[in-house]
Protein backbone atom coordinates (compact mmCIF):
# COMPACT_ATOMS: atom_id res chain seq x y z
CA MET A 1 125.46 95.35 106.95
CA LYS A 2 127.04 92.26 105.06
CA TYR A 3 130.08 92.76 103.11
CA CYS A 4 132.52 90.63 100.88
CA VAL A 5 136.18 91.20 100.53
CA VAL A 6 137.63 91.61 97.04
CA TYR A 7 141.35 90.61 96.21
CA LYS A 8 143.17 90.79 92.75
CA THR A 9 146.41 88.94 91.91
CA ARG A 10 149.64 90.28 90.06
CA ARG A 11 149.96 86.98 88.27
CA LYS A 12 146.72 87.06 86.47
CA THR A 13 145.45 90.45 85.25
CA GLY A 14 141.77 90.83 85.55
CA VAL A 15 141.24 88.09 87.84
CA TYR A 16 139.28 89.04 91.18
CA LEU A 17 138.75 86.73 94.07
CA PHE A 18 135.65 87.45 96.52
CA VAL A 19 135.64 85.99 99.81
CA GLU A 20 133.35 86.34 102.99
CA LYS A 21 135.95 87.87 105.54
CA LYS A 22 139.41 89.57 105.15
CA GLY A 23 142.12 86.99 104.99
CA HIS A 24 139.79 84.06 104.96
CA PHE A 25 141.22 81.80 102.39
CA GLU A 26 140.58 78.37 104.04
CA ARG A 27 137.82 77.29 101.75
CA ILE A 28 139.66 78.10 98.54
CA PRO A 29 141.41 75.14 96.65
CA GLU A 30 145.17 74.96 97.33
CA GLY A 31 145.94 74.66 93.61
CA LEU A 32 143.91 77.85 92.94
CA MET A 33 145.71 79.85 95.75
CA GLN A 34 149.19 78.70 94.31
CA GLU A 35 148.20 79.85 90.78
CA LEU A 36 146.86 83.17 92.04
CA GLY A 37 149.90 83.77 94.28
CA LYS A 38 149.55 86.18 97.19
CA PRO A 39 146.25 88.00 96.93
CA GLU A 40 146.23 91.81 97.24
CA LEU A 41 143.26 93.49 99.01
CA VAL A 42 141.12 95.69 96.64
CA MET A 43 138.10 96.63 98.67
CA MET A 44 135.29 95.61 100.79
CA LEU A 45 132.12 95.40 98.83
CA PRO A 46 128.61 95.88 100.64
CA LEU A 47 126.16 92.97 99.79
CA ASN A 48 123.15 94.48 101.31
CA ASN A 49 121.49 95.64 97.97
CA GLU A 50 120.86 93.64 95.04
CA LYS A 51 122.95 95.67 92.70
CA ASN A 52 125.36 93.84 90.28
CA PHE A 53 129.07 94.60 90.59
CA ASN A 54 130.91 95.23 87.42
CA ARG A 55 130.21 91.91 85.42
CA VAL A 56 129.25 89.86 88.39
CA SER A 57 125.53 89.51 89.11
CA HIS A 58 124.60 89.98 92.86
CA HIS A 59 122.91 86.50 92.96
CA ASP A 60 126.06 84.67 91.48
CA LEU A 61 128.44 86.46 93.86
CA VAL A 62 126.42 85.70 96.98
CA LYS A 63 125.58 82.08 95.91
CA GLY A 64 129.42 81.43 95.12
CA ILE A 65 130.52 82.88 98.51
CA GLU A 66 127.91 81.00 100.47
CA GLU A 67 128.28 77.51 98.72
CA GLN A 68 132.04 77.40 97.89
CA GLY A 69 133.42 80.13 100.33
CA TYR A 70 134.58 82.24 97.43
CA PHE A 71 133.69 83.60 94.06
CA LEU A 72 136.28 83.83 91.21
CA GLN A 73 135.73 86.61 88.43
CA LEU A 74 137.93 85.89 85.40
CA PRO A 75 138.65 88.48 82.72
CA GLU A 76 136.46 88.72 79.64
CA LYS A 77 137.60 87.13 76.70
CA GLU A 78 139.94 89.59 74.72
CA GLU A 79 138.91 90.77 71.34
CA ASN A 80 141.14 89.57 68.38
CA LEU A 81 140.81 92.67 65.93
CA LEU A 82 142.79 90.66 63.26
CA HIS A 83 140.38 87.66 63.51
CA GLU A 84 137.43 90.05 63.18
CA HIS A 85 138.80 91.92 60.23
CA ARG A 86 139.72 88.77 58.44
CA SER A 87 136.09 87.32 59.07
CA ALA A 88 134.68 90.61 57.78
CA LEU A 89 136.55 90.20 54.63
CA GLY A 90 135.29 86.71 54.31
CA LEU A 91 138.74 85.14 55.07
CA ASP A 92 139.44 82.38 57.52
CA ALA A 93 140.08 83.96 60.98
CA MET A 94 143.52 82.44 61.00
CA PRO A 95 145.60 82.13 57.62
CA PRO A 96 146.67 78.78 56.90
CA LYS A 97 150.19 77.77 58.04
CA LYS A 98 152.98 77.69 55.34
CA GLU A 99 154.95 74.77 55.21
CA PHE A 100 158.69 75.27 54.37
């Protein structure tokens, strides 16, 4: 059975790093590793079925790991309820800045 290993970082909420083997970070760009900080093991994920994982398609995950040596999952864009409310009222999402 084929697995990948999932890591998270405390520096970036909602960012997950998928790699082929535990502790194998050699193919990940140095700048990315510095930005992520020390990865924390979350789980080992079986890749033997075609099921999607969370917001990641099985195809994209396997392709990323095979081609780049890793797959990076970024958090979803956060909703801005104020912008949505203003838009529903027919107003600009952001009020104009006042000059003093």
